[in-house]
Amino acid sequence: MQKYLPTVARILLSQIFLVQVIALIIGFSSHPDGYQQYQAQLGSLGLPGIFAPLIILINLVGGAALFLGYKTKAFALMMAIYALVLTFLLQLPVLQYLAIAGGLLMLYLNPNTACSIDNLKK
Protein backbone atom coordinates (compact mmCIF):
# COMPACT_ATOMS: atom_id res chain seq x y z
CA MET A 1 0.00 0.00 0.00
CA GLN A 2 2.74 2.50 0.92
CA LYS A 3 4.39 1.76 -2.40
CA TYR A 4 1.44 3.26 -4.27
CA LEU A 5 0.65 6.29 -2.09
CA PRO A 6 3.31 8.50 -3.76
CA THR A 7 1.81 7.47 -7.11
CA VAL A 8 -1.64 8.55 -5.96
CA ALA A 9 -0.18 11.86 -4.75
CA ARG A 10 1.55 12.39 -8.12
CA ILE A 11 -1.68 11.71 -10.02
CA LEU A 12 -3.75 13.94 -7.76
CA LEU A 13 -1.29 16.79 -8.18
CA SER A 14 -1.30 16.35 -11.95
CA GLN A 15 -5.08 16.48 -12.15
CA ILE A 16 -5.05 20.06 -10.89
CA PHE A 17 -3.35 21.15 -14.09
CA LEU A 18 -5.10 18.73 -16.46
CA VAL A 19 -8.60 19.54 -15.21
CA GLN A 20 -7.85 23.22 -15.65
CA VAL A 21 -6.96 22.63 -19.31
CA ILE A 22 -10.11 20.55 -19.84
CA ALA A 23 -12.25 23.26 -18.23
CA LEU A 24 -10.66 25.91 -20.46
CA ILE A 25 -11.25 23.84 -23.60
CA ILE A 26 -14.88 23.23 -22.63
CA GLY A 27 -15.28 26.96 -22.02
CA PHE A 28 -13.73 27.77 -25.37
CA SER A 29 -15.98 25.34 -27.23
CA SER A 30 -19.19 26.33 -25.45
CA HIS A 31 -18.81 30.05 -26.21
CA PRO A 32 -17.90 31.30 -29.68
CA ASP A 33 -15.63 33.98 -28.24
CA GLY A 34 -14.44 31.97 -25.22
CA TYR A 35 -10.77 32.22 -26.07
CA GLN A 36 -10.97 35.97 -26.54
CA GLN A 37 -12.76 36.24 -23.20
CA TYR A 38 -9.96 34.24 -21.57
CA GLN A 39 -7.35 36.54 -23.09
CA ALA A 40 -9.33 39.58 -21.91
CA GLN A 41 -9.55 38.09 -18.42
CA LEU A 42 -5.78 37.69 -18.35
CA GLY A 43 -5.42 41.26 -19.59
CA SER A 44 -7.64 42.58 -16.82
CA LEU A 45 -5.32 40.88 -14.33
CA GLY A 46 -2.29 42.60 -15.84
CA LEU A 47 -1.04 39.75 -18.04
CA PRO A 48 -1.03 40.23 -21.82
CA GLY A 49 -3.34 37.93 -23.76
CA ILE A 50 -0.33 36.45 -25.58
CA PHE A 51 0.32 34.41 -22.44
CA ALA A 52 -2.96 32.48 -22.85
CA PRO A 53 -1.55 29.74 -25.14
CA LEU A 54 1.60 29.51 -23.04
CA ILE A 55 -0.40 28.97 -19.85
CA ILE A 56 -2.50 26.29 -21.54
CA LEU A 57 0.59 24.56 -22.95
CA ILE A 58 2.43 24.54 -19.61
CA ASN A 59 -0.64 23.17 -17.81
CA LEU A 60 -1.13 20.47 -20.44
CA VAL A 61 2.49 19.34 -20.81
CA GLY A 62 3.36 19.64 -17.12
CA GLY A 63 0.17 17.94 -15.98
CA ALA A 64 0.55 15.10 -18.48
CA ALA A 65 4.21 14.57 -17.55
CA LEU A 66 3.34 14.37 -13.86
CA PHE A 67 0.39 12.08 -14.57
CA LEU A 68 2.57 9.67 -16.54
CA GLY A 69 5.57 10.03 -14.24
CA TYR A 70 7.85 11.24 -17.01
CA LYS A 71 10.90 13.18 -15.76
CA THR A 72 9.01 13.62 -12.52
CA LYS A 73 11.74 15.47 -10.65
CA ALA A 74 12.21 18.14 -13.32
CA PHE A 75 8.50 18.66 -13.99
CA ALA A 76 7.61 18.75 -10.28
CA LEU A 77 10.10 21.57 -9.72
CA MET A 78 9.01 23.41 -12.86
CA MET A 79 5.32 23.16 -11.96
CA ALA A 80 5.98 24.27 -8.36
CA ILE A 81 7.73 27.40 -9.61
CA TYR A 82 5.01 27.91 -12.21
CA ALA A 83 2.27 27.62 -9.56
CA LEU A 84 3.97 30.20 -7.35
CA VAL A 85 4.60 32.66 -10.19
CA LEU A 86 1.07 32.31 -11.54
CA THR A 87 -0.38 32.75 -8.05
CA PHE A 88 1.16 36.17 -7.68
CA LEU A 89 0.68 37.28 -11.30
CA LEU A 90 -3.00 36.30 -11.48
CA GLN A 91 -3.80 36.98 -7.82
CA LEU A 92 -5.00 33.41 -7.23
CA PRO A 93 -5.83 32.07 -3.74
CA VAL A 94 -2.38 32.14 -2.14
CA LEU A 95 -2.76 29.45 0.51
CA GLN A 96 -4.19 26.91 -1.93
CA TYR A 97 -1.42 27.40 -4.46
CA LEU A 98 1.24 27.41 -1.74
CA ALA A 99 -0.11 24.01 -0.71
CA ILE A 100 0.05 22.80 -4.31
CA ALA A 101 3.62 24.07 -4.64
CA GLY A 102 4.49 22.32 -1.37
CA GLY A 103 3.12 19.03 -2.66
CA LEU A 104 5.05 19.43 -5.88
CA LEU A 105 8.25 20.15 -3.96
CA MET A 106 7.70 16.96 -1.94
CA LEU A 107 7.34 15.14 -5.25
CA TYR A 108 10.56 16.79 -6.41
CA LEU A 109 12.34 15.39 -3.34
CA ASN A 110 10.81 11.93 -3.81
CA PRO A 111 10.36 11.45 -7.57
CA ASN A 112 10.56 7.64 -7.53
CA THR A 113 6.96 6.49 -7.64
CA ALA A 114 5.40 3.25 -8.78
CA CYS A 115 3.63 3.08 -12.14
CA SER A 116 5.69 5.79 -13.80
CA ILE A 117 7.62 6.07 -17.05
CA ASP A 118 10.72 6.96 -15.03
CA ASN A 119 10.63 3.53 -13.36
CA LEU A 120 10.30 1.70 -16.68
CA LYS A 121 13.86 2.72 -17.55
CA LYS A 122 15.28 0.93 -14.48
C-alpha atoms as a PDB file:
ATOM      1  CA  MET A   1       0.000   0.000   0.000  1.00  0.00           C
ATOM      2  CA  GLN A   2       2.735   2.501   0.919  1.00  0.00           C
ATOM      3  CA  LYS A   3       4.387   1.755  -2.401  1.00  0.00           C
ATOM      4  CA  TYR A   4       1.441   3.263  -4.267  1.00  0.00           C
ATOM      5  CA  LEU A   5       0.654   6.294  -2.088  1.00  0.00           C
ATOM      6  CA  PRO A   6       3.305   8.501  -3.763  1.00  0.00           C
ATOM      7  CA  THR A   7       1.805   7.472  -7.108  1.00  0.00           C
ATOM      8  CA  VAL A   8      -1.643   8.551  -5.955  1.00  0.00           C
ATOM      9  CA  ALA A   9      -0.181  11.856  -4.753  1.00  0.00           C
ATOM     10  CA  ARG A  10       1.545  12.391  -8.118  1.00  0.00           C
ATOM     11  CA  ILE A  11      -1.679  11.706 -10.021  1.00  0.00           C
ATOM     12  CA  LEU A  12      -3.754  13.944  -7.759  1.00  0.00           C
ATOM     13  CA  LEU A  13      -1.288  16.791  -8.182  1.00  0.00           C
ATOM     14  CA  SER A  14      -1.296  16.347 -11.952  1.00  0.00           C
ATOM     15  CA  GLN A  15      -5.078  16.475 -12.146  1.00  0.00           C
ATOM     16  CA  ILE A  16      -5.054  20.065 -10.886  1.00  0.00           C
ATOM     17  CA  PHE A  17      -3.346  21.148 -14.094  1.00  0.00           C
ATOM     18  CA  LEU A  18      -5.100  18.729 -16.456  1.00  0.00           C
ATOM     19  CA  VAL A  19      -8.603  19.542 -15.213  1.00  0.00           C
ATOM     20  CA  GLN A  20      -7.847  23.225 -15.647  1.00  0.00           C
ATOM     21  CA  VAL A  21      -6.964  22.629 -19.312  1.00  0.00           C
ATOM     22  CA  ILE A  22     -10.105  20.548 -19.840  1.00  0.00           C
ATOM     23  CA  ALA A  23     -12.249  23.264 -18.232  1.00  0.00           C
ATOM     24  CA  LEU A  24     -10.661  25.912 -20.465  1.00  0.00           C
ATOM     25  CA  ILE A  25     -11.250  23.836 -23.599  1.00  0.00           C
ATOM     26  CA  ILE A  26     -14.882  23.231 -22.630  1.00  0.00           C
ATOM     27  CA  GLY A  27     -15.276  26.956 -22.019  1.00  0.00           C
ATOM     28  CA  PHE A  28     -13.729  27.774 -25.371  1.00  0.00           C
ATOM     29  CA  SER A  29     -15.977  25.341 -27.234  1.00  0.00           C
ATOM     30  CA  SER A  30     -19.186  26.334 -25.447  1.00  0.00           C
ATOM     31  CA  HIS A  31     -18.812  30.052 -26.211  1.00  0.00           C
ATOM     32  CA  PRO A  32     -17.900  31.301 -29.684  1.00  0.00           C
ATOM     33  CA  ASP A  33     -15.635  33.977 -28.239  1.00  0.00           C
ATOM     34  CA  GLY A  34     -14.443  31.967 -25.221  1.00  0.00           C
ATOM     35  CA  TYR A  35     -10.767  32.219 -26.072  1.00  0.00           C
ATOM     36  CA  GLN A  36     -10.972  35.968 -26.541  1.00  0.00           C
ATOM     37  CA  GLN A  37     -12.761  36.242 -23.195  1.00  0.00           C
ATOM     38  CA  TYR A  38      -9.955  34.240 -21.566  1.00  0.00           C
ATOM     39  CA  GLN A  39      -7.355  36.544 -23.093  1.00  0.00           C
ATOM     40  CA  ALA A  40      -9.332  39.577 -21.912  1.00  0.00           C
ATOM     41  CA  GLN A  41      -9.552  38.089 -18.420  1.00  0.00           C
ATOM     42  CA  LEU A  42      -5.781  37.687 -18.347  1.00  0.00           C
ATOM     43  CA  GLY A  43      -5.425  41.255 -19.592  1.00  0.00           C
ATOM     44  CA  SER A  44      -7.645  42.578 -16.818  1.00  0.00           C
ATOM     45  CA  LEU A  45      -5.316  40.876 -14.329  1.00  0.00           C
ATOM     46  CA  GLY A  46      -2.288  42.598 -15.838  1.00  0.00           C
ATOM     47  CA  LEU A  47      -1.038  39.753 -18.038  1.00  0.00           C
ATOM     48  CA  PRO A  48      -1.029  40.227 -21.824  1.00  0.00           C
ATOM     49  CA  GLY A  49      -3.344  37.927 -23.759  1.00  0.00           C
ATOM     50  CA  ILE A  50      -0.333  36.452 -25.583  1.00  0.00           C
ATOM     51  CA  PHE A  51       0.323  34.409 -22.438  1.00  0.00           C
ATOM     52  CA  ALA A  52      -2.957  32.475 -22.855  1.00  0.00           C
ATOM     53  CA  PRO A  53      -1.549  29.740 -25.144  1.00  0.00           C
ATOM     54  CA  LEU A  54       1.599  29.514 -23.043  1.00  0.00           C
ATOM     55  CA  ILE A  55      -0.405  28.974 -19.852  1.00  0.00           C
ATOM     56  CA  ILE A  56      -2.503  26.290 -21.540  1.00  0.00           C
ATOM     57  CA  LEU A  57       0.586  24.563 -22.948  1.00  0.00           C
ATOM     58  CA  ILE A  58       2.431  24.540 -19.615  1.00  0.00           C
ATOM     59  CA  ASN A  59      -0.641  23.170 -17.813  1.00  0.00           C
ATOM     60  CA  LEU A  60      -1.127  20.465 -20.436  1.00  0.00           C
ATOM     61  CA  VAL A  61       2.489  19.339 -20.809  1.00  0.00           C
ATOM     62  CA  GLY A  62       3.359  19.638 -17.122  1.00  0.00           C
ATOM     63  CA  GLY A  63       0.166  17.936 -15.978  1.00  0.00           C
ATOM     64  CA  ALA A  64       0.550  15.095 -18.479  1.00  0.00           C
ATOM     65  CA  ALA A  65       4.206  14.570 -17.551  1.00  0.00           C
ATOM     66  CA  LEU A  66       3.343  14.367 -13.864  1.00  0.00           C
ATOM     67  CA  PHE A  67       0.391  12.077 -14.565  1.00  0.00           C
ATOM     68  CA  LEU A  68       2.570   9.667 -16.536  1.00  0.00           C
ATOM     69  CA  GLY A  69       5.571  10.027 -14.241  1.00  0.00           C
ATOM     70  CA  TYR A  70       7.853  11.243 -17.009  1.00  0.00           C
ATOM     71  CA  LYS A  71      10.901  13.185 -15.757  1.00  0.00           C
ATOM     72  CA  THR A  72       9.014  13.622 -12.520  1.00  0.00           C
ATOM     73  CA  LYS A  73      11.738  15.473 -10.652  1.00  0.00           C
ATOM     74  CA  ALA A  74      12.211  18.141 -13.320  1.00  0.00           C
ATOM     75  CA  PHE A  75       8.503  18.656 -13.994  1.00  0.00           C
ATOM     76  CA  ALA A  76       7.612  18.751 -10.284  1.00  0.00           C
ATOM     77  CA  LEU A  77      10.101  21.570  -9.717  1.00  0.00           C
ATOM     78  CA  MET A  78       9.009  23.408 -12.860  1.00  0.00           C
ATOM     79  CA  MET A  79       5.322  23.158 -11.961  1.00  0.00           C
ATOM     80  CA  ALA A  80       5.985  24.274  -8.361  1.00  0.00           C
ATOM     81  CA  ILE A  81       7.735  27.403  -9.606  1.00  0.00           C
ATOM     82  CA  TYR A  82       5.008  27.908 -12.209  1.00  0.00           C
ATOM     83  CA  ALA A  83       2.270  27.616  -9.557  1.00  0.00           C
ATOM     84  CA  LEU A  84       3.973  30.197  -7.350  1.00  0.00           C
ATOM     85  CA  VAL A  85       4.597  32.656 -10.186  1.00  0.00           C
ATOM     86  CA  LEU A  86       1.070  32.312 -11.536  1.00  0.00           C
ATOM     87  CA  THR A  87      -0.382  32.750  -8.049  1.00  0.00           C
ATOM     88  CA  PHE A  88       1.164  36.168  -7.678  1.00  0.00           C
ATOM     89  CA  LEU A  89       0.682  37.278 -11.305  1.00  0.00           C
ATOM     90  CA  LEU A  90      -3.000  36.301 -11.482  1.00  0.00           C
ATOM     91  CA  GLN A  91      -3.804  36.979  -7.823  1.00  0.00           C
ATOM     92  CA  LEU A  92      -4.998  33.414  -7.233  1.00  0.00           C
ATOM     93  CA  PRO A  93      -5.829  32.066  -3.738  1.00  0.00           C
ATOM     94  CA  VAL A  94      -2.383  32.143  -2.137  1.00  0.00           C
ATOM     95  CA  LEU A  95      -2.762  29.446   0.514  1.00  0.00           C
ATOM     96  CA  GLN A  96      -4.188  26.915  -1.932  1.00  0.00           C
ATOM     97  CA  TYR A  97      -1.423  27.404  -4.456  1.00  0.00           C
ATOM     98  CA  LEU A  98       1.242  27.406  -1.744  1.00  0.00           C
ATOM     99  CA  ALA A  99      -0.107  24.005  -0.711  1.00  0.00           C
ATOM    100  CA  ILE A 100       0.050  22.802  -4.313  1.00  0.00           C
ATOM    101  CA  ALA A 101       3.620  24.071  -4.638  1.00  0.00           C
ATOM    102  CA  GLY A 102       4.489  22.321  -1.366  1.00  0.00           C
ATOM    103  CA  GLY A 103       3.120  19.030  -2.661  1.00  0.00           C
ATOM    104  CA  LEU A 104       5.054  19.434  -5.883  1.00  0.00           C
ATOM    105  CA  LEU A 105       8.252  20.154  -3.957  1.00  0.00           C
ATOM    106  CA  MET A 106       7.702  16.962  -1.945  1.00  0.00           C
ATOM    107  CA  LEU A 107       7.336  15.137  -5.251  1.00  0.00           C
ATOM    108  CA  TYR A 108      10.565  16.790  -6.408  1.00  0.00           C
ATOM    109  CA  LEU A 109      12.339  15.392  -3.342  1.00  0.00           C
ATOM    110  CA  ASN A 110      10.810  11.925  -3.807  1.00  0.00           C
ATOM    111  CA  PRO A 111      10.362  11.454  -7.574  1.00  0.00           C
ATOM    112  CA  ASN A 112      10.558   7.639  -7.533  1.00  0.00           C
ATOM    113  CA  THR A 113       6.962   6.491  -7.636  1.00  0.00           C
ATOM    114  CA  ALA A 114       5.399   3.251  -8.776  1.00  0.00           C
ATOM    115  CA  CYS A 115       3.630   3.083 -12.135  1.00  0.00           C
ATOM    116  CA  SER A 116       5.694   5.787 -13.802  1.00  0.00           C
ATOM    117  CA  ILE A 117       7.622   6.073 -17.047  1.00  0.00           C
ATOM    118  CA  ASP A 118      10.719   6.964 -15.027  1.00  0.00           C
ATOM    119  CA  ASN A 119      10.634   3.532 -13.363  1.00  0.00           C
ATOM    120  CA  LEU A 120      10.303   1.697 -16.682  1.00  0.00           C
ATOM    121  CA  LYS A 121      13.857   2.715 -17.546  1.00  0.00           C
ATOM    122  CA  LYS A 122      15.284   0.934 -14.485  1.00  0.00           C
END
